[in-house]
N, C-alpha and C. Protein backbone atom coordinates (compact mmCIF):
# COMPACT_ATOMS: atom_id res chain seq x y z
N MET A 1 153.74 -43.04 -1.45
CA MET A 1 153.01 -44.28 -1.20
C MET A 1 153.79 -45.45 -1.79
N LYS A 2 153.86 -46.53 -1.06
CA LYS A 2 154.50 -47.75 -1.52
C LYS A 2 153.47 -48.86 -1.59
N LEU A 3 153.47 -49.60 -2.68
CA LEU A 3 152.58 -50.73 -2.87
C LEU A 3 153.41 -51.99 -3.05
N THR A 4 153.10 -53.03 -2.25
CA THR A 4 153.78 -54.32 -2.37
C THR A 4 152.76 -55.38 -2.73
N LYS A 5 153.09 -56.17 -3.74
CA LYS A 5 152.21 -57.22 -4.24
C LYS A 5 152.58 -58.55 -3.61
N TYR A 6 151.57 -59.29 -3.18
CA TYR A 6 151.76 -60.67 -2.71
C TYR A 6 150.93 -61.59 -3.60
N GLU A 7 151.00 -62.87 -3.32
CA GLU A 7 150.34 -63.82 -4.21
C GLU A 7 148.86 -63.48 -4.40
N HIS A 8 148.43 -63.74 -5.63
CA HIS A 8 147.05 -63.56 -6.07
C HIS A 8 146.62 -62.10 -5.93
N ALA A 9 145.67 -61.81 -5.05
CA ALA A 9 145.07 -60.47 -5.00
C ALA A 9 145.51 -59.64 -3.81
N CYS A 10 146.49 -60.10 -3.07
CA CYS A 10 146.89 -59.41 -1.84
C CYS A 10 147.84 -58.25 -2.14
N LEU A 11 147.48 -57.08 -1.65
CA LEU A 11 148.30 -55.87 -1.77
C LEU A 11 148.48 -55.25 -0.40
N ILE A 12 149.67 -54.73 -0.13
CA ILE A 12 149.91 -53.95 1.08
C ILE A 12 150.37 -52.56 0.67
N LEU A 13 149.66 -51.52 1.17
CA LEU A 13 150.03 -50.14 0.93
C LEU A 13 150.66 -49.55 2.18
N ASP A 14 151.62 -48.67 1.98
CA ASP A 14 152.32 -48.02 3.10
C ASP A 14 152.46 -46.55 2.76
N ASN A 15 151.84 -45.68 3.59
CA ASN A 15 151.90 -44.24 3.36
C ASN A 15 152.81 -43.53 4.36
N ASP A 16 153.67 -44.30 5.06
CA ASP A 16 154.60 -43.82 6.09
C ASP A 16 153.91 -43.48 7.41
N GLN A 17 152.58 -43.48 7.43
CA GLN A 17 151.83 -43.30 8.67
C GLN A 17 151.31 -44.65 9.18
N SER A 18 150.78 -45.45 8.28
CA SER A 18 150.30 -46.78 8.63
C SER A 18 150.27 -47.62 7.36
N ARG A 19 150.02 -48.92 7.56
CA ARG A 19 149.91 -49.83 6.42
C ARG A 19 148.47 -50.32 6.28
N LEU A 20 148.11 -50.62 5.06
CA LEU A 20 146.77 -51.09 4.72
C LEU A 20 146.93 -52.36 3.90
N ILE A 21 146.17 -53.41 4.24
CA ILE A 21 146.28 -54.67 3.52
C ILE A 21 144.94 -55.02 2.89
N ILE A 22 145.01 -55.48 1.65
CA ILE A 22 143.82 -55.83 0.87
C ILE A 22 143.86 -57.30 0.50
N ASP A 23 142.80 -58.02 0.77
CA ASP A 23 142.55 -59.38 0.29
C ASP A 23 143.69 -60.39 0.54
N PRO A 24 144.02 -60.62 1.80
CA PRO A 24 145.01 -61.66 2.12
C PRO A 24 144.35 -63.04 2.15
N GLY A 25 144.06 -63.57 0.97
CA GLY A 25 143.31 -64.82 0.85
C GLY A 25 144.18 -66.05 1.00
N CYS A 26 143.62 -67.20 0.67
CA CYS A 26 144.27 -68.49 0.94
C CYS A 26 145.52 -68.72 0.10
N PHE A 27 145.66 -68.03 -1.02
CA PHE A 27 146.84 -68.21 -1.87
C PHE A 27 147.98 -67.28 -1.49
N SER A 28 147.72 -66.36 -0.55
CA SER A 28 148.68 -65.31 -0.22
C SER A 28 149.53 -65.70 0.99
N LYS A 29 150.84 -65.72 0.80
CA LYS A 29 151.79 -65.99 1.88
C LYS A 29 152.23 -64.66 2.45
N LEU A 30 151.74 -64.37 3.65
CA LEU A 30 152.01 -63.06 4.23
C LEU A 30 153.43 -62.98 4.77
N PRO A 31 154.02 -61.77 4.77
CA PRO A 31 155.35 -61.60 5.36
C PRO A 31 155.30 -61.78 6.87
N ASP A 32 156.45 -62.05 7.47
CA ASP A 32 156.50 -62.20 8.93
C ASP A 32 156.19 -60.89 9.63
N ASP A 33 156.66 -59.79 9.07
CA ASP A 33 156.45 -58.47 9.67
C ASP A 33 155.12 -57.90 9.20
N LEU A 34 154.13 -57.94 10.07
CA LEU A 34 152.82 -57.39 9.78
C LEU A 34 152.48 -56.21 10.70
N ALA A 35 153.50 -55.63 11.30
CA ALA A 35 153.29 -54.53 12.25
C ALA A 35 152.77 -53.29 11.54
N ASN A 36 152.07 -52.46 12.30
CA ASN A 36 151.59 -51.15 11.86
C ASN A 36 150.56 -51.24 10.73
N ILE A 37 149.80 -52.33 10.71
CA ILE A 37 148.67 -52.42 9.79
C ILE A 37 147.43 -51.88 10.51
N GLY A 38 146.94 -50.75 10.04
CA GLY A 38 145.80 -50.11 10.68
C GLY A 38 144.47 -50.49 10.07
N CYS A 39 144.52 -51.06 8.85
CA CYS A 39 143.28 -51.34 8.14
C CYS A 39 143.43 -52.60 7.30
N LEU A 40 142.46 -53.48 7.39
CA LEU A 40 142.37 -54.70 6.60
C LEU A 40 141.07 -54.64 5.79
N ILE A 41 141.19 -54.83 4.48
CA ILE A 41 140.02 -54.80 3.61
C ILE A 41 139.87 -56.16 2.95
N ILE A 42 138.71 -56.76 3.13
CA ILE A 42 138.38 -58.04 2.50
C ILE A 42 137.23 -57.76 1.55
N THR A 43 137.51 -57.84 0.25
CA THR A 43 136.52 -57.34 -0.71
C THR A 43 135.39 -58.31 -1.00
N GLU A 44 135.56 -59.58 -0.63
CA GLU A 44 134.45 -60.53 -0.80
C GLU A 44 134.76 -61.82 -0.06
N GLU A 45 133.76 -62.74 -0.05
CA GLU A 45 133.80 -63.89 0.85
C GLU A 45 134.55 -65.11 0.32
N HIS A 46 134.90 -65.15 -0.94
CA HIS A 46 135.56 -66.33 -1.49
C HIS A 46 136.96 -66.49 -0.90
N VAL A 47 137.42 -67.74 -0.85
CA VAL A 47 138.64 -68.06 -0.09
C VAL A 47 139.89 -67.41 -0.66
N ASP A 48 139.88 -67.04 -1.93
CA ASP A 48 141.07 -66.39 -2.48
C ASP A 48 141.18 -64.93 -2.03
N HIS A 49 140.14 -64.43 -1.35
CA HIS A 49 140.16 -63.08 -0.79
C HIS A 49 140.09 -63.10 0.74
N PHE A 50 139.41 -64.08 1.29
CA PHE A 50 139.14 -64.15 2.73
C PHE A 50 139.65 -65.47 3.28
N ASN A 51 140.67 -65.37 4.14
CA ASN A 51 141.25 -66.54 4.78
C ASN A 51 141.39 -66.24 6.27
N LEU A 52 140.68 -67.00 7.09
CA LEU A 52 140.65 -66.72 8.52
C LEU A 52 142.03 -66.80 9.15
N GLU A 53 142.83 -67.76 8.73
CA GLU A 53 144.18 -67.90 9.29
C GLU A 53 145.01 -66.63 9.05
N ASN A 54 144.91 -66.07 7.87
CA ASN A 54 145.66 -64.84 7.59
C ASN A 54 145.09 -63.66 8.36
N VAL A 55 143.78 -63.61 8.53
CA VAL A 55 143.18 -62.56 9.36
C VAL A 55 143.72 -62.64 10.79
N GLN A 56 143.80 -63.84 11.32
CA GLN A 56 144.30 -64.02 12.68
C GLN A 56 145.78 -63.66 12.80
N LYS A 57 146.57 -63.92 11.76
CA LYS A 57 147.98 -63.51 11.77
C LYS A 57 148.10 -61.99 11.84
N ILE A 58 147.25 -61.30 11.10
CA ILE A 58 147.27 -59.84 11.13
C ILE A 58 146.84 -59.32 12.49
N LEU A 59 145.79 -59.91 13.05
CA LEU A 59 145.31 -59.50 14.37
C LEU A 59 146.34 -59.75 15.46
N ALA A 60 147.14 -60.79 15.32
CA ALA A 60 148.15 -61.11 16.33
C ALA A 60 149.16 -59.99 16.50
N GLN A 61 149.42 -59.22 15.44
CA GLN A 61 150.37 -58.11 15.52
C GLN A 61 149.69 -56.74 15.52
N ASN A 62 148.36 -56.74 15.31
CA ASN A 62 147.61 -55.48 15.22
C ASN A 62 146.23 -55.69 15.83
N SER A 63 146.16 -55.72 17.14
CA SER A 63 144.90 -56.07 17.81
C SER A 63 143.81 -55.04 17.56
N ASP A 64 144.19 -53.81 17.20
CA ASP A 64 143.20 -52.75 17.00
C ASP A 64 142.95 -52.46 15.52
N VAL A 65 143.34 -53.37 14.64
CA VAL A 65 143.14 -53.15 13.20
C VAL A 65 141.65 -53.02 12.89
N THR A 66 141.32 -52.10 11.98
CA THR A 66 139.95 -51.94 11.52
C THR A 66 139.75 -52.78 10.27
N ILE A 67 138.71 -53.60 10.28
CA ILE A 67 138.42 -54.50 9.16
C ILE A 67 137.16 -54.03 8.44
N PHE A 68 137.26 -53.84 7.14
CA PHE A 68 136.11 -53.51 6.30
C PHE A 68 135.85 -54.67 5.36
N SER A 69 134.57 -55.01 5.17
CA SER A 69 134.24 -56.08 4.24
C SER A 69 132.75 -56.05 3.91
N THR A 70 132.29 -57.13 3.29
CA THR A 70 130.88 -57.28 2.94
C THR A 70 130.09 -57.81 4.14
N ALA A 71 128.78 -57.80 4.02
CA ALA A 71 127.92 -58.28 5.11
C ALA A 71 128.16 -59.76 5.39
N ASN A 72 128.38 -60.57 4.35
CA ASN A 72 128.60 -62.00 4.58
C ASN A 72 129.91 -62.27 5.31
N VAL A 73 130.95 -61.54 4.97
CA VAL A 73 132.22 -61.70 5.68
C VAL A 73 132.08 -61.20 7.12
N TYR A 74 131.37 -60.09 7.29
CA TYR A 74 131.09 -59.58 8.64
C TYR A 74 130.48 -60.68 9.51
N ASP A 75 129.50 -61.39 8.98
CA ASP A 75 128.84 -62.45 9.75
C ASP A 75 129.81 -63.58 10.09
N GLN A 76 130.64 -63.96 9.15
CA GLN A 76 131.60 -65.04 9.39
C GLN A 76 132.64 -64.64 10.44
N LEU A 77 133.10 -63.41 10.38
CA LEU A 77 134.06 -62.93 11.38
C LEU A 77 133.41 -62.83 12.76
N ALA A 78 132.16 -62.40 12.79
CA ALA A 78 131.47 -62.26 14.08
C ALA A 78 131.36 -63.61 14.79
N LYS A 79 131.20 -64.68 14.03
CA LYS A 79 131.13 -66.03 14.63
C LYS A 79 132.44 -66.41 15.31
N GLU A 80 133.53 -65.78 14.87
CA GLU A 80 134.85 -66.03 15.46
C GLU A 80 135.20 -64.99 16.52
N GLY A 81 134.26 -64.12 16.82
CA GLY A 81 134.50 -63.08 17.82
C GLY A 81 135.36 -61.94 17.31
N ILE A 82 135.42 -61.76 15.99
CA ILE A 82 136.25 -60.72 15.39
C ILE A 82 135.36 -59.58 14.91
N LYS A 83 135.67 -58.37 15.35
CA LYS A 83 134.89 -57.20 14.98
C LYS A 83 135.27 -56.72 13.58
N SER A 84 134.28 -56.26 12.83
CA SER A 84 134.53 -55.69 11.51
C SER A 84 133.41 -54.72 11.18
N VAL A 85 133.56 -54.05 10.05
CA VAL A 85 132.56 -53.09 9.58
C VAL A 85 132.07 -53.57 8.22
N ALA A 86 130.76 -53.76 8.09
CA ALA A 86 130.16 -54.18 6.83
C ALA A 86 129.85 -52.95 5.99
N ILE A 87 130.25 -53.01 4.73
CA ILE A 87 130.01 -51.91 3.80
C ILE A 87 128.76 -52.20 2.98
N HIS A 88 127.87 -51.22 2.91
CA HIS A 88 126.67 -51.32 2.09
C HIS A 88 126.62 -50.12 1.15
N GLY A 89 126.34 -50.37 -0.12
CA GLY A 89 126.25 -49.27 -1.07
C GLY A 89 127.60 -48.62 -1.31
N ALA A 90 127.59 -47.32 -1.47
CA ALA A 90 128.82 -46.55 -1.65
C ALA A 90 129.12 -45.80 -0.36
N GLN A 91 130.32 -45.97 0.16
CA GLN A 91 130.70 -45.32 1.41
C GLN A 91 132.15 -44.84 1.32
N THR A 92 132.44 -43.78 2.07
CA THR A 92 133.79 -43.25 2.17
C THR A 92 134.23 -43.30 3.62
N LYS A 93 135.47 -43.78 3.84
CA LYS A 93 136.02 -43.87 5.18
C LYS A 93 137.42 -43.25 5.19
N ASP A 94 137.74 -42.57 6.28
CA ASP A 94 139.09 -42.02 6.47
C ASP A 94 139.74 -42.75 7.63
N ILE A 95 140.90 -43.37 7.38
CA ILE A 95 141.57 -44.12 8.42
C ILE A 95 143.06 -44.21 8.12
N GLY A 96 143.87 -43.95 9.13
CA GLY A 96 145.32 -44.11 9.00
C GLY A 96 145.96 -43.26 7.93
N GLY A 97 145.35 -42.12 7.62
CA GLY A 97 145.89 -41.27 6.56
C GLY A 97 145.44 -41.66 5.17
N TYR A 98 144.53 -42.62 5.07
CA TYR A 98 143.98 -43.05 3.77
C TYR A 98 142.53 -42.60 3.66
N LYS A 99 142.15 -42.15 2.48
CA LYS A 99 140.74 -41.92 2.18
C LYS A 99 140.28 -43.09 1.32
N LEU A 100 139.35 -43.87 1.85
CA LEU A 100 138.89 -45.09 1.21
C LEU A 100 137.49 -44.87 0.65
N SER A 101 137.33 -45.14 -0.63
CA SER A 101 136.01 -45.06 -1.27
C SER A 101 135.60 -46.47 -1.65
N PHE A 102 134.50 -46.94 -1.07
CA PHE A 102 134.00 -48.29 -1.31
C PHE A 102 132.76 -48.24 -2.20
N TYR A 103 132.64 -49.25 -3.07
CA TYR A 103 131.49 -49.37 -3.95
C TYR A 103 131.03 -50.83 -3.89
N GLU A 104 129.88 -51.06 -3.25
CA GLU A 104 129.35 -52.42 -3.18
C GLU A 104 128.75 -52.78 -4.55
N THR A 105 129.18 -53.89 -5.10
CA THR A 105 128.72 -54.34 -6.41
C THR A 105 128.42 -55.83 -6.36
N ASP A 106 127.83 -56.33 -7.42
CA ASP A 106 127.69 -57.77 -7.59
C ASP A 106 129.01 -58.34 -8.10
N HIS A 107 129.43 -59.45 -7.51
CA HIS A 107 130.54 -60.22 -8.06
C HIS A 107 130.19 -60.57 -9.51
N ALA A 108 131.17 -60.55 -10.39
CA ALA A 108 130.91 -60.93 -11.78
C ALA A 108 130.38 -62.36 -11.83
N PRO A 109 129.44 -62.64 -12.71
CA PRO A 109 128.88 -63.99 -12.79
C PRO A 109 129.94 -65.04 -13.13
N ILE A 110 129.82 -66.20 -12.51
CA ILE A 110 130.65 -67.35 -12.86
C ILE A 110 129.85 -68.28 -13.77
N TYR A 111 128.63 -68.57 -13.36
CA TYR A 111 127.73 -69.34 -14.22
C TYR A 111 126.32 -68.76 -14.08
N LYS A 112 125.95 -67.97 -15.03
CA LYS A 112 124.61 -67.38 -15.19
C LYS A 112 124.26 -66.28 -14.20
N LYS A 113 124.74 -66.37 -12.96
CA LYS A 113 124.37 -65.34 -12.00
C LYS A 113 125.55 -65.01 -11.08
N SER A 114 125.45 -63.88 -10.42
CA SER A 114 126.48 -63.47 -9.48
C SER A 114 126.42 -64.34 -8.23
N PRO A 115 127.58 -64.82 -7.74
CA PRO A 115 127.57 -65.67 -6.56
C PRO A 115 127.49 -64.92 -5.23
N CYS A 116 127.82 -63.63 -5.23
CA CYS A 116 127.85 -62.89 -3.96
C CYS A 116 128.10 -61.41 -4.24
N LYS A 117 128.13 -60.63 -3.17
CA LYS A 117 128.49 -59.22 -3.27
C LYS A 117 130.01 -59.07 -3.22
N SER A 118 130.48 -57.95 -3.75
CA SER A 118 131.90 -57.65 -3.79
C SER A 118 132.08 -56.16 -3.56
N LEU A 119 133.27 -55.77 -3.12
CA LEU A 119 133.56 -54.36 -2.90
C LEU A 119 134.64 -53.90 -3.87
N SER A 120 134.33 -52.91 -4.69
CA SER A 120 135.37 -52.19 -5.42
C SER A 120 135.93 -51.12 -4.48
N LEU A 121 137.19 -50.76 -4.70
CA LEU A 121 137.88 -49.90 -3.74
C LEU A 121 138.75 -48.87 -4.44
N LYS A 122 138.64 -47.62 -3.99
CA LYS A 122 139.58 -46.57 -4.38
C LYS A 122 140.30 -46.09 -3.14
N VAL A 123 141.62 -46.02 -3.19
CA VAL A 123 142.44 -45.53 -2.08
C VAL A 123 143.04 -44.19 -2.50
N ASP A 124 142.63 -43.11 -1.82
CA ASP A 124 143.05 -41.76 -2.19
C ASP A 124 142.81 -41.58 -3.70
N ASP A 125 143.73 -40.91 -4.36
CA ASP A 125 143.72 -40.86 -5.83
C ASP A 125 144.85 -41.74 -6.36
N TYR A 126 145.22 -42.72 -5.55
CA TYR A 126 146.39 -43.56 -5.85
C TYR A 126 146.01 -44.86 -6.55
N LEU A 127 145.00 -45.57 -6.01
CA LEU A 127 144.71 -46.93 -6.46
C LEU A 127 143.22 -47.13 -6.66
N PHE A 128 142.87 -47.82 -7.74
CA PHE A 128 141.52 -48.36 -7.90
C PHE A 128 141.63 -49.85 -8.15
N TYR A 129 140.83 -50.63 -7.39
CA TYR A 129 140.81 -52.08 -7.48
C TYR A 129 139.36 -52.52 -7.55
N PRO A 130 138.91 -53.08 -8.68
CA PRO A 130 137.51 -53.45 -8.81
C PRO A 130 137.14 -54.75 -8.13
N SER A 131 138.12 -55.49 -7.59
CA SER A 131 137.93 -56.82 -7.06
C SER A 131 137.32 -57.70 -8.15
N ASP A 132 136.43 -58.62 -7.81
CA ASP A 132 135.92 -59.58 -8.79
C ASP A 132 134.71 -59.02 -9.52
N SER A 133 134.93 -57.90 -10.18
CA SER A 133 133.87 -57.25 -10.94
C SER A 133 134.51 -56.46 -12.06
N TYR A 134 133.66 -55.93 -12.93
CA TYR A 134 134.13 -55.03 -13.98
C TYR A 134 133.62 -53.62 -13.72
N ASN A 135 133.48 -53.29 -12.45
CA ASN A 135 133.01 -51.98 -12.04
C ASN A 135 134.04 -50.91 -12.42
N THR A 136 133.57 -49.77 -12.87
CA THR A 136 134.47 -48.67 -13.24
C THR A 136 134.10 -47.41 -12.45
N ILE A 137 135.03 -46.48 -12.44
CA ILE A 137 134.80 -45.17 -11.84
C ILE A 137 135.30 -44.11 -12.82
N GLU A 138 134.84 -42.88 -12.64
CA GLU A 138 135.26 -41.79 -13.52
C GLU A 138 136.53 -41.12 -13.02
N ASP A 139 136.86 -41.27 -11.73
CA ASP A 139 138.01 -40.59 -11.15
C ASP A 139 139.32 -41.09 -11.74
N LYS A 140 140.27 -40.19 -11.90
CA LYS A 140 141.62 -40.56 -12.31
C LYS A 140 142.40 -41.05 -11.10
N VAL A 141 143.14 -42.12 -11.27
CA VAL A 141 144.00 -42.67 -10.21
C VAL A 141 145.39 -42.91 -10.78
N ALA A 142 146.36 -43.09 -9.89
CA ALA A 142 147.72 -43.38 -10.34
C ALA A 142 147.86 -44.80 -10.86
N ILE A 143 147.17 -45.75 -10.18
CA ILE A 143 147.32 -47.16 -10.53
C ILE A 143 145.96 -47.84 -10.57
N LEU A 144 145.71 -48.58 -11.63
CA LEU A 144 144.59 -49.50 -11.70
C LEU A 144 145.12 -50.90 -11.40
N ALA A 145 144.62 -51.52 -10.32
CA ALA A 145 144.96 -52.92 -10.02
C ALA A 145 143.95 -53.78 -10.77
N LEU A 146 144.39 -54.40 -11.86
CA LEU A 146 143.49 -55.06 -12.81
C LEU A 146 143.54 -56.57 -12.65
N PRO A 147 142.43 -57.21 -12.27
CA PRO A 147 142.39 -58.67 -12.24
C PRO A 147 142.66 -59.26 -13.62
N THR A 148 143.49 -60.31 -13.67
CA THR A 148 143.86 -60.89 -14.96
C THR A 148 143.56 -62.39 -15.05
N SER A 149 142.92 -62.96 -14.02
CA SER A 149 142.52 -64.37 -14.11
C SER A 149 141.37 -64.63 -13.14
N GLY A 150 140.74 -65.79 -13.28
CA GLY A 150 139.67 -66.18 -12.38
C GLY A 150 138.58 -66.93 -13.12
N PRO A 151 137.78 -67.75 -12.42
CA PRO A 151 136.70 -68.49 -13.09
C PRO A 151 135.62 -67.59 -13.66
N TRP A 152 135.56 -66.36 -13.20
CA TRP A 152 134.60 -65.37 -13.68
C TRP A 152 135.18 -64.47 -14.76
N HIS A 153 136.48 -64.59 -14.99
CA HIS A 153 137.24 -63.58 -15.73
C HIS A 153 137.13 -63.76 -17.24
N LYS A 154 136.99 -62.63 -17.96
CA LYS A 154 137.03 -62.61 -19.41
C LYS A 154 138.00 -61.50 -19.84
N LEU A 155 138.97 -61.85 -20.67
CA LEU A 155 139.97 -60.86 -21.07
C LEU A 155 139.33 -59.67 -21.79
N GLU A 156 138.33 -59.92 -22.63
CA GLU A 156 137.70 -58.82 -23.36
C GLU A 156 137.13 -57.80 -22.39
N GLU A 157 136.44 -58.27 -21.36
CA GLU A 157 135.83 -57.35 -20.40
C GLU A 157 136.89 -56.68 -19.53
N ALA A 158 137.97 -57.40 -19.22
CA ALA A 158 139.06 -56.80 -18.46
C ALA A 158 139.72 -55.67 -19.25
N ILE A 159 139.90 -55.88 -20.55
CA ILE A 159 140.49 -54.84 -21.39
C ILE A 159 139.56 -53.64 -21.49
N GLU A 160 138.27 -53.89 -21.61
CA GLU A 160 137.31 -52.78 -21.64
C GLU A 160 137.34 -52.00 -20.33
N LEU A 161 137.46 -52.71 -19.22
CA LEU A 161 137.57 -52.04 -17.92
C LEU A 161 138.82 -51.18 -17.88
N ALA A 162 139.94 -51.77 -18.30
CA ALA A 162 141.21 -51.02 -18.29
C ALA A 162 141.11 -49.76 -19.13
N ASN A 163 140.48 -49.86 -20.28
CA ASN A 163 140.36 -48.69 -21.16
C ASN A 163 139.36 -47.66 -20.63
N ALA A 164 138.49 -48.07 -19.71
CA ALA A 164 137.51 -47.14 -19.14
C ALA A 164 138.08 -46.36 -17.96
N ILE A 165 139.17 -46.84 -17.39
CA ILE A 165 139.77 -46.19 -16.22
C ILE A 165 140.94 -45.32 -16.66
N THR A 166 141.01 -44.12 -16.13
CA THR A 166 142.13 -43.23 -16.42
C THR A 166 143.21 -43.42 -15.37
N SER A 167 144.33 -44.02 -15.78
CA SER A 167 145.46 -44.23 -14.88
C SER A 167 146.72 -44.40 -15.72
N PRO A 168 147.82 -43.76 -15.33
CA PRO A 168 149.06 -43.94 -16.09
C PRO A 168 149.65 -45.34 -15.94
N LYS A 169 149.28 -46.05 -14.85
CA LYS A 169 149.84 -47.37 -14.60
C LYS A 169 148.72 -48.40 -14.41
N ILE A 170 148.97 -49.61 -14.89
CA ILE A 170 148.07 -50.74 -14.68
C ILE A 170 148.89 -51.86 -14.05
N LEU A 171 148.42 -52.37 -12.92
CA LEU A 171 149.11 -53.44 -12.21
C LEU A 171 148.31 -54.73 -12.33
N ALA A 172 148.93 -55.78 -12.83
CA ALA A 172 148.28 -57.08 -12.91
C ALA A 172 148.10 -57.66 -11.52
N THR A 173 146.89 -58.09 -11.21
CA THR A 173 146.63 -58.72 -9.91
C THR A 173 145.57 -59.81 -10.09
N HIS A 174 145.20 -60.46 -8.99
CA HIS A 174 144.24 -61.57 -9.03
C HIS A 174 144.69 -62.59 -10.09
N ASN A 175 145.94 -63.04 -9.98
CA ASN A 175 146.55 -63.79 -11.08
C ASN A 175 147.21 -65.10 -10.66
N PHE A 176 146.90 -65.63 -9.48
CA PHE A 176 147.55 -66.85 -9.01
C PHE A 176 147.06 -68.09 -9.77
N LEU A 177 145.88 -68.04 -10.34
CA LEU A 177 145.28 -69.23 -10.95
C LEU A 177 145.93 -69.62 -12.27
N TYR A 178 146.71 -68.73 -12.86
CA TYR A 178 147.42 -69.05 -14.09
C TYR A 178 148.87 -69.41 -13.80
N SER A 179 149.44 -70.26 -14.65
CA SER A 179 150.88 -70.50 -14.61
C SER A 179 151.61 -69.24 -15.07
N GLU A 180 152.93 -69.23 -14.94
CA GLU A 180 153.69 -68.09 -15.44
C GLU A 180 153.44 -67.89 -16.93
N ALA A 181 153.38 -69.01 -17.67
CA ALA A 181 153.12 -68.91 -19.10
C ALA A 181 151.73 -68.34 -19.36
N GLY A 182 150.73 -68.80 -18.60
CA GLY A 182 149.38 -68.30 -18.76
C GLY A 182 149.27 -66.83 -18.43
N GLN A 183 149.96 -66.41 -17.37
CA GLN A 183 149.96 -64.99 -17.02
C GLN A 183 150.59 -64.16 -18.12
N GLY A 184 151.65 -64.69 -18.71
CA GLY A 184 152.31 -63.98 -19.79
C GLY A 184 151.40 -63.78 -20.99
N VAL A 185 150.63 -64.82 -21.32
CA VAL A 185 149.68 -64.71 -22.44
C VAL A 185 148.62 -63.67 -22.14
N ALA A 186 148.01 -63.77 -20.96
CA ALA A 186 146.96 -62.80 -20.59
C ALA A 186 147.51 -61.38 -20.59
N ASN A 187 148.68 -61.18 -19.98
CA ASN A 187 149.26 -59.84 -19.91
C ASN A 187 149.56 -59.28 -21.29
N SER A 188 150.03 -60.13 -22.19
CA SER A 188 150.38 -59.64 -23.54
C SER A 188 149.13 -59.19 -24.30
N PHE A 189 148.02 -59.92 -24.16
CA PHE A 189 146.78 -59.51 -24.83
C PHE A 189 146.26 -58.20 -24.25
N ILE A 190 146.37 -58.02 -22.94
CA ILE A 190 145.93 -56.77 -22.33
C ILE A 190 146.78 -55.61 -22.85
N ARG A 191 148.10 -55.76 -22.79
CA ARG A 191 149.00 -54.70 -23.27
C ARG A 191 148.68 -54.32 -24.72
N ALA A 192 148.47 -55.34 -25.55
CA ALA A 192 148.29 -55.10 -26.98
C ALA A 192 146.99 -54.38 -27.30
N ASN A 193 146.04 -54.38 -26.38
CA ASN A 193 144.72 -53.82 -26.67
C ASN A 193 144.38 -52.60 -25.83
N LEU A 194 145.38 -52.01 -25.19
CA LEU A 194 145.13 -50.77 -24.45
C LEU A 194 144.94 -49.63 -25.44
N ALA A 195 143.90 -48.84 -25.23
CA ALA A 195 143.63 -47.73 -26.14
C ALA A 195 144.74 -46.69 -26.09
N ASP A 196 145.36 -46.54 -24.93
CA ASP A 196 146.46 -45.58 -24.75
C ASP A 196 147.76 -46.37 -24.55
N SER A 197 148.57 -46.40 -25.57
CA SER A 197 149.79 -47.20 -25.54
C SER A 197 150.88 -46.63 -24.64
N THR A 198 150.66 -45.40 -24.12
CA THR A 198 151.67 -44.81 -23.23
C THR A 198 151.51 -45.29 -21.79
N ARG A 199 150.41 -45.97 -21.49
CA ARG A 199 150.22 -46.46 -20.11
C ARG A 199 151.21 -47.58 -19.82
N GLU A 200 151.68 -47.61 -18.58
CA GLU A 200 152.65 -48.62 -18.16
C GLU A 200 151.91 -49.82 -17.57
N PHE A 201 152.13 -50.99 -18.15
CA PHE A 201 151.55 -52.23 -17.62
C PHE A 201 152.60 -52.91 -16.76
N ILE A 202 152.27 -53.19 -15.49
CA ILE A 202 153.24 -53.67 -14.52
C ILE A 202 152.87 -55.06 -14.04
N TYR A 203 153.84 -55.96 -14.08
CA TYR A 203 153.66 -57.31 -13.52
C TYR A 203 154.68 -57.48 -12.40
N LEU A 204 154.19 -57.63 -11.18
CA LEU A 204 155.06 -57.82 -10.02
C LEU A 204 154.97 -59.25 -9.52
N LYS A 205 156.10 -59.80 -9.14
CA LYS A 205 156.10 -61.09 -8.45
C LYS A 205 155.89 -60.85 -6.96
N ALA A 206 155.56 -61.91 -6.23
CA ALA A 206 155.26 -61.77 -4.80
C ALA A 206 156.42 -61.13 -4.06
N GLY A 207 156.11 -60.09 -3.28
CA GLY A 207 157.12 -59.40 -2.50
C GLY A 207 157.73 -58.21 -3.19
N GLU A 208 157.43 -58.01 -4.48
CA GLU A 208 157.99 -56.85 -5.20
C GLU A 208 157.09 -55.64 -5.00
N SER A 209 157.70 -54.44 -5.10
CA SER A 209 157.01 -53.20 -4.78
C SER A 209 157.17 -52.15 -5.87
N ILE A 210 156.23 -51.20 -5.87
CA ILE A 210 156.34 -50.00 -6.67
C ILE A 210 155.91 -48.83 -5.79
N SER A 211 156.31 -47.62 -6.20
CA SER A 211 155.92 -46.42 -5.46
C SER A 211 154.99 -45.57 -6.31
């Protein structure tokens, strides 16, 4: 499996059978080559995760792509004549050689209450991404994609989430809102407070990949 990071929360996975793209929001500059994307996942309705222009770019090269998202995103896409699948509760989907486990949760509060629903996602036993929440799972995965910035974000809770997930690798994501210096500060505090110091903390710039 190959994982490529793009700006903010956008990730592209490639399992040699098909590609899967997660959260190509307004801060994410997509590559020109978007061929062979069989699945698009939009974990919530905010613009840093859901950008219609990027959805249309993906559809232009993949007219049969399957889109999974929340009910609110489903409604917005339907107004544009774009088909998608709304996830409710906990659901498992198999597509393009990927086993996708979805967990519908409340978006972490920004001010006093949650602004919307969000989807946490597990891909095979490879990746867990909580999106804009501190949702955890008991399953072991290869990589935890850990949000490290946002108006809802608290480093203490992010560190607790990281320590609750069993994964040899942690990938910093959801991090466009900080400067390079700010990202460095956040990343250093996370590294310093991991309960298991043998875990690898990974910071990728846009377009960089890991396997």
